[in-house]
Amino acid sequence: MNGEFMKDKQAKIKNFISQFFVNYEVQEEEDIFALGFVNSMFAMQLVLFIEQEFKITIVNEDLELNNFRTIKAITALLEKKMAMSIHN
């Protein structure tokens, strides 16, 4: 995938996550769960946002914590899902 294309996706994810981190700028490689701001409601909202914003489906196999720990990990999952949808 185009690097600029994925940077745009990463920026959208960061913008969404930033709404939940008051007075704190989350970095791409920071573990958002380890920071202590995340709860199960946020996790559900994050999955829903990703599905709606990027028109993909997150299936049970995707719901691994490591896929959602960092903005970079979420972007990698998104990239994988989008590549799969192109090839299917």
PDB file of N, CA and C in Angstrom:
ATOM      1  N   MET A   1       0.847  -1.190   0.000  1.00  0.00           N
ATOM      2  CA  MET A   1       0.000   0.000   0.000  1.00  0.00           C
ATOM      3  C   MET A   1       0.886   1.245   0.000  1.00  0.00           C
ATOM      4  N   ASN A   2       0.369   2.278  -0.565  1.00  0.00           N
ATOM      5  CA  ASN A   2       1.045   3.566  -0.653  1.00  0.00           C
ATOM      6  C   ASN A   2       1.306   4.119   0.754  1.00  0.00           C
ATOM      7  N   GLY A   3       2.548   4.530   1.019  1.00  0.00           N
ATOM      8  CA  GLY A   3       2.923   5.049   2.328  1.00  0.00           C
ATOM      9  C   GLY A   3       2.131   6.278   2.728  1.00  0.00           C
ATOM     10  N   GLU A   4       1.895   7.167   1.771  1.00  0.00           N
ATOM     11  CA  GLU A   4       1.121   8.394   2.036  1.00  0.00           C
ATOM     12  C   GLU A   4      -0.326   8.036   2.367  1.00  0.00           C
ATOM     13  N   PHE A   5      -0.851   7.051   1.665  1.00  0.00           N
ATOM     14  CA  PHE A   5      -2.212   6.559   1.884  1.00  0.00           C
ATOM     15  C   PHE A   5      -2.354   6.042   3.319  1.00  0.00           C
ATOM     16  N   MET A   6      -1.370   5.265   3.777  1.00  0.00           N
ATOM     17  CA  MET A   6      -1.437   4.708   5.125  1.00  0.00           C
ATOM     18  C   MET A   6      -1.164   5.774   6.184  1.00  0.00           C
ATOM     19  N   LYS A   7      -0.353   6.772   5.884  1.00  0.00           N
ATOM     20  CA  LYS A   7      -0.135   7.886   6.826  1.00  0.00           C
ATOM     21  C   LYS A   7      -1.449   8.604   7.098  1.00  0.00           C
ATOM     22  N   ASP A   8      -2.258   8.777   6.052  1.00  0.00           N
ATOM     23  CA  ASP A   8      -3.568   9.407   6.191  1.00  0.00           C
ATOM     24  C   ASP A   8      -4.467   8.567   7.095  1.00  0.00           C
ATOM     25  N   LYS A   9      -4.436   7.260   6.909  1.00  0.00           N
ATOM     26  CA  LYS A   9      -5.246   6.354   7.738  1.00  0.00           C
ATOM     27  C   LYS A   9      -4.764   6.422   9.191  1.00  0.00           C
ATOM     28  N   GLN A  10      -3.454   6.438   9.370  1.00  0.00           N
ATOM     29  CA  GLN A  10      -2.876   6.516  10.706  1.00  0.00           C
ATOM     30  C   GLN A  10      -3.295   7.810  11.401  1.00  0.00           C
ATOM     31  N   ALA A  11      -3.317   8.908  10.659  1.00  0.00           N
ATOM     32  CA  ALA A  11      -3.728  10.201  11.218  1.00  0.00           C
ATOM     33  C   ALA A  11      -5.189  10.161  11.655  1.00  0.00           C
ATOM     34  N   LYS A  12      -6.045   9.509  10.877  1.00  0.00           N
ATOM     35  CA  LYS A  12      -7.468   9.403  11.249  1.00  0.00           C
ATOM     36  C   LYS A  12      -7.640   8.582  12.522  1.00  0.00           C
ATOM     37  N   ILE A  13      -6.887   7.489  12.628  1.00  0.00           N
ATOM     38  CA  ILE A  13      -6.951   6.652  13.824  1.00  0.00           C
ATOM     39  C   ILE A  13      -6.456   7.441  15.037  1.00  0.00           C
ATOM     40  N   LYS A  14      -5.344   8.136  14.887  1.00  0.00           N
ATOM     41  CA  LYS A  14      -4.784   8.931  15.984  1.00  0.00           C
ATOM     42  C   LYS A  14      -5.772  10.010  16.414  1.00  0.00           C
ATOM     43  N   ASN A  15      -6.413  10.658  15.463  1.00  0.00           N
ATOM     44  CA  ASN A  15      -7.398  11.694  15.765  1.00  0.00           C
ATOM     45  C   ASN A  15      -8.563  11.120  16.572  1.00  0.00           C
ATOM     46  N   PHE A  16      -9.049   9.945  16.171  1.00  0.00           N
ATOM     47  CA  PHE A  16     -10.146   9.313  16.896  1.00  0.00           C
ATOM     48  C   PHE A  16      -9.722   8.986  18.329  1.00  0.00           C
ATOM     49  N   ILE A  17      -8.565   8.340  18.478  1.00  0.00           N
ATOM     50  CA  ILE A  17      -8.087   7.942  19.800  1.00  0.00           C
ATOM     51  C   ILE A  17      -7.842   9.163  20.689  1.00  0.00           C
ATOM     52  N   SER A  18      -7.351  10.236  20.098  1.00  0.00           N
ATOM     53  CA  SER A  18      -7.042  11.454  20.861  1.00  0.00           C
ATOM     54  C   SER A  18      -8.258  12.035  21.568  1.00  0.00           C
ATOM     55  N   GLN A  19      -9.452  11.770  21.053  1.00  0.00           N
ATOM     56  CA  GLN A  19     -10.675  12.262  21.701  1.00  0.00           C
ATOM     57  C   GLN A  19     -10.839  11.696  23.110  1.00  0.00           C
ATOM     58  N   PHE A  20     -10.237  10.540  23.358  1.00  0.00           N
ATOM     59  CA  PHE A  20     -10.399   9.853  24.636  1.00  0.00           C
ATOM     60  C   PHE A  20      -9.250  10.106  25.599  1.00  0.00           C
ATOM     61  N   PHE A  21      -8.197  10.778  25.118  1.00  0.00           N
ATOM     62  CA  PHE A  21      -7.015  11.057  25.931  1.00  0.00           C
ATOM     63  C   PHE A  21      -6.924  12.567  26.141  1.00  0.00           C
ATOM     64  N   VAL A  22      -7.564  13.045  27.187  1.00  0.00           N
ATOM     65  CA  VAL A  22      -7.608  14.473  27.470  1.00  0.00           C
ATOM     66  C   VAL A  22      -6.215  14.950  27.901  1.00  0.00           C
ATOM     67  N   ASN A  23      -5.764  16.029  27.274  1.00  0.00           N
ATOM     68  CA  ASN A  23      -4.464  16.638  27.601  1.00  0.00           C
ATOM     69  C   ASN A  23      -3.281  15.674  27.461  1.00  0.00           C
ATOM     70  N   TYR A  24      -3.383  14.733  26.517  1.00  0.00           N
ATOM     71  CA  TYR A  24      -2.288  13.797  26.292  1.00  0.00           C
ATOM     72  C   TYR A  24      -2.268  13.425  24.816  1.00  0.00           C
ATOM     73  N   GLU A  25      -1.110  13.577  24.173  1.00  0.00           N
ATOM     74  CA  GLU A  25      -0.994  13.224  22.764  1.00  0.00           C
ATOM     75  C   GLU A  25      -0.379  11.837  22.636  1.00  0.00           C
ATOM     76  N   VAL A  26      -1.193  10.894  22.206  1.00  0.00           N
ATOM     77  CA  VAL A  26      -0.749   9.512  22.051  1.00  0.00           C
ATOM     78  C   VAL A  26       0.178   9.421  20.842  1.00  0.00           C
ATOM     79  N   GLN A  27       1.302   8.743  21.031  1.00  0.00           N
ATOM     80  CA  GLN A  27       2.257   8.532  19.946  1.00  0.00           C
ATOM     81  C   GLN A  27       1.941   7.210  19.238  1.00  0.00           C
ATOM     82  N   GLU A  28       2.406   7.065  18.004  1.00  0.00           N
ATOM     83  CA  GLU A  28       2.073   5.917  17.166  1.00  0.00           C
ATOM     84  C   GLU A  28       2.463   4.579  17.773  1.00  0.00           C
ATOM     85  N   GLU A  29       3.517   4.541  18.581  1.00  0.00           N
ATOM     86  CA  GLU A  29       3.984   3.263  19.111  1.00  0.00           C
ATOM     87  C   GLU A  29       3.711   3.085  20.610  1.00  0.00           C
ATOM     88  N   GLU A  30       2.919   3.982  21.192  1.00  0.00           N
ATOM     89  CA  GLU A  30       2.578   3.856  22.623  1.00  0.00           C
ATOM     90  C   GLU A  30       1.445   2.851  22.800  1.00  0.00           C
ATOM     91  N   ASP A  31       1.575   2.020  23.817  1.00  0.00           N
ATOM     92  CA  ASP A  31       0.550   1.027  24.141  1.00  0.00           C
ATOM     93  C   ASP A  31      -0.608   1.747  24.834  1.00  0.00           C
ATOM     94  N   ILE A  32      -1.705   1.910  24.113  1.00  0.00           N
ATOM     95  CA  ILE A  32      -2.827   2.685  24.665  1.00  0.00           C
ATOM     96  C   ILE A  32      -3.490   1.979  25.836  1.00  0.00           C
ATOM     97  N   PHE A  33      -3.364   0.653  25.906  1.00  0.00           N
ATOM     98  CA  PHE A  33      -3.936  -0.072  27.040  1.00  0.00           C
ATOM     99  C   PHE A  33      -3.057   0.092  28.282  1.00  0.00           C
ATOM    100  N   ALA A  34      -1.746   0.091  28.100  1.00  0.00           N
ATOM    101  CA  ALA A  34      -0.820   0.255  29.223  1.00  0.00           C
ATOM    102  C   ALA A  34      -0.899   1.652  29.825  1.00  0.00           C
ATOM    103  N   LEU A  35      -1.324   2.638  29.030  1.00  0.00           N
ATOM    104  CA  LEU A  35      -1.435   4.012  29.533  1.00  0.00           C
ATOM    105  C   LEU A  35      -2.543   4.152  30.569  1.00  0.00           C
ATOM    106  N   GLY A  36      -3.494   3.209  30.577  1.00  0.00           N
ATOM    107  CA  GLY A  36      -4.532   3.201  31.596  1.00  0.00           C
ATOM    108  C   GLY A  36      -5.776   4.020  31.287  1.00  0.00           C
ATOM    109  N   PHE A  37      -5.856   4.592  30.103  1.00  0.00           N
ATOM    110  CA  PHE A  37      -7.026   5.398  29.759  1.00  0.00           C
ATOM    111  C   PHE A  37      -8.130   4.574  29.103  1.00  0.00           C
ATOM    112  N   VAL A  38      -7.842   3.345  28.757  1.00  0.00           N
ATOM    113  CA  VAL A  38      -8.736   2.547  27.922  1.00  0.00           C
ATOM    114  C   VAL A  38      -9.586   1.605  28.770  1.00  0.00           C
ATOM    115  N   ASN A  39     -10.865   1.510  28.399  1.00  0.00           N
ATOM    116  CA  ASN A  39     -11.746   0.533  29.028  1.00  0.00           C
ATOM    117  C   ASN A  39     -12.449  -0.259  27.924  1.00  0.00           C
ATOM    118  N   SER A  40     -13.289  -1.202  28.302  1.00  0.00           N
ATOM    119  CA  SER A  40     -13.928  -2.061  27.304  1.00  0.00           C
ATOM    120  C   SER A  40     -14.865  -1.272  26.384  1.00  0.00           C
ATOM    121  N   MET A  41     -15.494  -0.235  26.902  1.00  0.00           N
ATOM    122  CA  MET A  41     -16.372   0.595  26.062  1.00  0.00           C
ATOM    123  C   MET A  41     -15.557   1.288  24.977  1.00  0.00           C
ATOM    124  N   PHE A  42     -14.389   1.812  25.338  1.00  0.00           N
ATOM    125  CA  PHE A  42     -13.521   2.442  24.356  1.00  0.00           C
ATOM    126  C   PHE A  42     -13.106   1.425  23.297  1.00  0.00           C
ATOM    127  N   ALA A  43     -12.743   0.226  23.729  1.00  0.00           N
ATOM    128  CA  ALA A  43     -12.300  -0.815  22.791  1.00  0.00           C
ATOM    129  C   ALA A  43     -13.402  -1.107  21.771  1.00  0.00           C
ATOM    130  N   MET A  44     -14.646  -1.186  22.216  1.00  0.00           N
ATOM    131  CA  MET A  44     -15.770  -1.423  21.300  1.00  0.00           C
ATOM    132  C   MET A  44     -15.941  -0.242  20.353  1.00  0.00           C
ATOM    133  N   GLN A  45     -15.825   0.963  20.863  1.00  0.00           N
ATOM    134  CA  GLN A  45     -15.954   2.157  20.020  1.00  0.00           C
ATOM    135  C   GLN A  45     -14.837   2.212  18.978  1.00  0.00           C
ATOM    136  N   LEU A  46     -13.636   1.811  19.363  1.00  0.00           N
ATOM    137  CA  LEU A  46     -12.502   1.813  18.447  1.00  0.00           C
ATOM    138  C   LEU A  46     -12.733   0.834  17.301  1.00  0.00           C
ATOM    139  N   VAL A  47     -13.180  -0.373  17.619  1.00  0.00           N
ATOM    140  CA  VAL A  47     -13.462  -1.371  16.575  1.00  0.00           C
ATOM    141  C   VAL A  47     -14.559  -0.858  15.648  1.00  0.00           C
ATOM    142  N   LEU A  48     -15.612  -0.310  16.202  1.00  0.00           N
ATOM    143  CA  LEU A  48     -16.714   0.224  15.394  1.00  0.00           C
ATOM    144  C   LEU A  48     -16.238   1.364  14.499  1.00  0.00           C
ATOM    145  N   PHE A  49     -15.426   2.262  15.039  1.00  0.00           N
ATOM    146  CA  PHE A  49     -14.876   3.364  14.254  1.00  0.00           C
ATOM    147  C   PHE A  49     -14.075   2.828  13.074  1.00  0.00           C
ATOM    148  N   ILE A  50     -13.201   1.872  13.329  1.00  0.00           N
ATOM    149  CA  ILE A  50     -12.354   1.323  12.261  1.00  0.00           C
ATOM    150  C   ILE A  50     -13.211   0.682  11.173  1.00  0.00           C
ATOM    151  N   GLU A  51     -14.211  -0.086  11.583  1.00  0.00           N
ATOM    152  CA  GLU A  51     -15.086  -0.730  10.597  1.00  0.00           C
ATOM    153  C   GLU A  51     -15.832   0.298   9.749  1.00  0.00           C
ATOM    154  N   GLN A  52     -16.391   1.302  10.378  1.00  0.00           N
ATOM    155  CA  GLN A  52     -17.181   2.304   9.657  1.00  0.00           C
ATOM    156  C   GLN A  52     -16.314   3.247   8.828  1.00  0.00           C
ATOM    157  N   GLU A  53     -15.232   3.724   9.406  1.00  0.00           N
ATOM    158  CA  GLU A  53     -14.378   4.707   8.736  1.00  0.00           C
ATOM    159  C   GLU A  53     -13.681   4.117   7.513  1.00  0.00           C
ATOM    160  N   PHE A  54     -13.256   2.869   7.626  1.00  0.00           N
ATOM    161  CA  PHE A  54     -12.446   2.278   6.565  1.00  0.00           C
ATOM    162  C   PHE A  54     -13.175   1.186   5.781  1.00  0.00           C
ATOM    163  N   LYS A  55     -14.464   1.003   6.081  1.00  0.00           N
ATOM    164  CA  LYS A  55     -15.308   0.060   5.330  1.00  0.00           C
ATOM    165  C   LYS A  55     -14.711  -1.354   5.318  1.00  0.00           C
ATOM    166  N   ILE A  56     -14.304  -1.815   6.493  1.00  0.00           N
ATOM    167  CA  ILE A  56     -13.803  -3.180   6.627  1.00  0.00           C
ATOM    168  C   ILE A  56     -14.582  -3.870   7.745  1.00  0.00           C
ATOM    169  N   THR A  57     -14.437  -5.187   7.832  1.00  0.00           N
ATOM    170  CA  THR A  57     -15.068  -5.946   8.901  1.00  0.00           C
ATOM    171  C   THR A  57     -13.989  -6.542   9.789  1.00  0.00           C
ATOM    172  N   ILE A  58     -14.116  -6.276  11.060  1.00  0.00           N
ATOM    173  CA  ILE A  58     -13.215  -6.859  12.044  1.00  0.00           C
ATOM    174  C   ILE A  58     -13.884  -8.154  12.516  1.00  0.00           C
ATOM    175  N   VAL A  59     -13.245  -9.281  12.253  1.00  0.00           N
ATOM    176  CA  VAL A  59     -13.802 -10.582  12.646  1.00  0.00           C
ATOM    177  C   VAL A  59     -13.174 -11.020  13.964  1.00  0.00           C
ATOM    178  N   ASN A  60     -13.743 -12.060  14.569  1.00  0.00           N
ATOM    179  CA  ASN A  60     -13.265 -12.529  15.873  1.00  0.00           C
ATOM    180  C   ASN A  60     -11.766 -12.777  15.893  1.00  0.00           C
ATOM    181  N   GLU A  61     -11.218 -13.339  14.812  1.00  0.00           N
ATOM    182  CA  GLU A  61      -9.784 -13.629  14.766  1.00  0.00           C
ATOM    183  C   GLU A  61      -8.942 -12.349  14.849  1.00  0.00           C
ATOM    184  N   ASP A  62      -9.513 -11.221  14.440  1.00  0.00           N
ATOM    185  CA  ASP A  62      -8.797  -9.942  14.475  1.00  0.00           C
ATOM    186  C   ASP A  62      -8.784  -9.321  15.871  1.00  0.00           C
ATOM    187  N   LEU A  63      -9.652  -9.785  16.750  1.00  0.00           N
ATOM    188  CA  LEU A  63      -9.834  -9.148  18.055  1.00  0.00           C
ATOM    189  C   LEU A  63      -8.764  -9.556  19.064  1.00  0.00           C
ATOM    190  N   GLU A  64      -7.536  -9.573  18.627  1.00  0.00           N
ATOM    191  CA  GLU A  64      -6.385  -9.826  19.489  1.00  0.00           C
ATOM    192  C   GLU A  64      -5.922  -8.485  20.047  1.00  0.00           C
ATOM    193  N   LEU A  65      -5.611  -8.447  21.303  1.00  0.00           N
ATOM    194  CA  LEU A  65      -5.165  -7.208  21.936  1.00  0.00           C
ATOM    195  C   LEU A  65      -3.977  -6.593  21.196  1.00  0.00           C
ATOM    196  N   ASN A  66      -3.064  -7.424  20.728  1.00  0.00           N
ATOM    197  CA  ASN A  66      -1.881  -6.912  20.033  1.00  0.00           C
ATOM    198  C   ASN A  66      -2.224  -6.151  18.753  1.00  0.00           C
ATOM    199  N   ASN A  67      -3.372  -6.428  18.146  1.00  0.00           N
ATOM    200  CA  ASN A  67      -3.796  -5.697  16.948  1.00  0.00           C
ATOM    201  C   ASN A  67      -4.256  -4.280  17.265  1.00  0.00           C
ATOM    202  N   PHE A  68      -4.515  -3.995  18.540  1.00  0.00           N
ATOM    203  CA  PHE A  68      -5.101  -2.705  18.928  1.00  0.00           C
ATOM    204  C   PHE A  68      -4.279  -1.947  19.971  1.00  0.00           C
ATOM    205  N   ARG A  69      -3.124  -2.464  20.369  1.00  0.00           N
ATOM    206  CA  ARG A  69      -2.313  -1.832  21.414  1.00  0.00           C
ATOM    207  C   ARG A  69      -1.783  -0.456  21.037  1.00  0.00           C
ATOM    208  N   THR A  70      -1.381  -0.309  19.776  1.00  0.00           N
ATOM    209  CA  THR A  70      -0.772   0.944  19.333  1.00  0.00           C
ATOM    210  C   THR A  70      -1.434   1.417  18.040  1.00  0.00           C
ATOM    211  N   ILE A  71      -1.271   2.683  17.753  1.00  0.00           N
ATOM    212  CA  ILE A  71      -1.785   3.229  16.494  1.00  0.00           C
ATOM    213  C   ILE A  71      -1.102   2.509  15.335  1.00  0.00           C
ATOM    214  N   LYS A  72       0.170   2.231  15.491  1.00  0.00           N
ATOM    215  CA  LYS A  72       0.920   1.528  14.447  1.00  0.00           C
ATOM    216  C   LYS A  72       0.366   0.119  14.221  1.00  0.00           C
ATOM    217  N   ALA A  73       0.015  -0.595  15.288  1.00  0.00           N
ATOM    218  CA  ALA A  73      -0.551  -1.943  15.177  1.00  0.00           C
ATOM    219  C   ALA A  73      -1.926  -1.908  14.510  1.00  0.00           C
ATOM    220  N   ILE A  74      -2.729  -0.915  14.864  1.00  0.00           N
ATOM    221  CA  ILE A  74      -4.053  -0.776  14.257  1.00  0.00           C
ATOM    222  C   ILE A  74      -3.905  -0.502  12.759  1.00  0.00           C
ATOM    223  N   THR A  75      -2.960   0.351  12.408  1.00  0.00           N
ATOM    224  CA  THR A  75      -2.704   0.667  11.000  1.00  0.00           C
ATOM    225  C   THR A  75      -2.246  -0.575  10.245  1.00  0.00           C
ATOM    226  N   ALA A  76      -1.395  -1.397  10.871  1.00  0.00           N
ATOM    227  CA  ALA A  76      -0.927  -2.634  10.237  1.00  0.00           C
ATOM    228  C   ALA A  76      -2.099  -3.591  10.003  1.00  0.00           C
ATOM    229  N   LEU A  77      -2.999  -3.707  10.983  1.00  0.00           N
ATOM    230  CA  LEU A  77      -4.189  -4.542  10.828  1.00  0.00           C
ATOM    231  C   LEU A  77      -5.047  -4.016   9.684  1.00  0.00           C
ATOM    232  N   LEU A  78      -5.241  -2.725   9.665  1.00  0.00           N
ATOM    233  CA  LEU A  78      -6.033  -2.087   8.615  1.00  0.00           C
ATOM    234  C   LEU A  78      -5.423  -2.353   7.243  1.00  0.00           C
ATOM    235  N   GLU A  79      -4.127  -2.209   7.145  1.00  0.00           N
ATOM    236  CA  GLU A  79      -3.425  -2.442   5.887  1.00  0.00           C
ATOM    237  C   GLU A  79      -3.624  -3.888   5.424  1.00  0.00           C
ATOM    238  N   LYS A  80      -3.508  -4.825   6.358  1.00  0.00           N
ATOM    239  CA  LYS A  80      -3.690  -6.246   6.050  1.00  0.00           C
ATOM    240  C   LYS A  80      -5.121  -6.511   5.573  1.00  0.00           C
ATOM    241  N   LYS A  81      -6.101  -5.962   6.298  1.00  0.00           N
ATOM    242  CA  LYS A  81      -7.511  -6.174   5.949  1.00  0.00           C
ATOM    243  C   LYS A  81      -7.842  -5.563   4.585  1.00  0.00           C
ATOM    244  N   MET A  82      -7.302  -4.385   4.313  1.00  0.00           N
ATOM    245  CA  MET A  82      -7.575  -3.725   3.036  1.00  0.00           C
ATOM    246  C   MET A  82      -6.911  -4.491   1.898  1.00  0.00           C
ATOM    247  N   ALA A  83      -5.721  -5.010   2.118  1.00  0.00           N
ATOM    248  CA  ALA A  83      -5.035  -5.802   1.089  1.00  0.00           C
ATOM    249  C   ALA A  83      -5.805  -7.078   0.807  1.00  0.00           C
ATOM    250  N   MET A  84      -6.349  -7.697   1.842  1.00  0.00           N
ATOM    251  CA  MET A  84      -7.142  -8.915   1.671  1.00  0.00           C
ATOM    252  C   MET A  84      -8.402  -8.641   0.868  1.00  0.00           C
ATOM    253  N   SER A  85      -9.040  -7.508   1.128  1.00  0.00           N
ATOM    254  CA  SER A  85     -10.281  -7.191   0.413  1.00  0.00           C
ATOM    255  C   SER A  85     -10.024  -6.891  -1.049  1.00  0.00           C
ATOM    256  N   ILE A  86      -8.829  -6.379  -1.372  1.00  0.00           N
ATOM    257  CA  ILE A  86      -8.472  -6.103  -2.769  1.00  0.00           C
ATOM    258  C   ILE A  86      -8.271  -7.409  -3.523  1.00  0.00           C
ATOM    259  N   HIS A  87      -7.676  -8.390  -2.829  1.00  0.00           N
ATOM    260  CA  HIS A  87      -7.369  -9.671  -3.473  1.00  0.00           C
ATOM    261  C   HIS A  87      -8.563 -10.619  -3.507  1.00  0.00           C
ATOM    262  N   ASN A  88      -9.614 -10.326  -2.786  1.00  0.00           N
ATOM    263  CA  ASN A  88     -10.801 -11.215  -2.766  1.00  0.00           C
ATOM    264  C   ASN A  88     -11.854 -10.742  -3.717  1.00  0.00           C
TER     265      ASN A  88
END
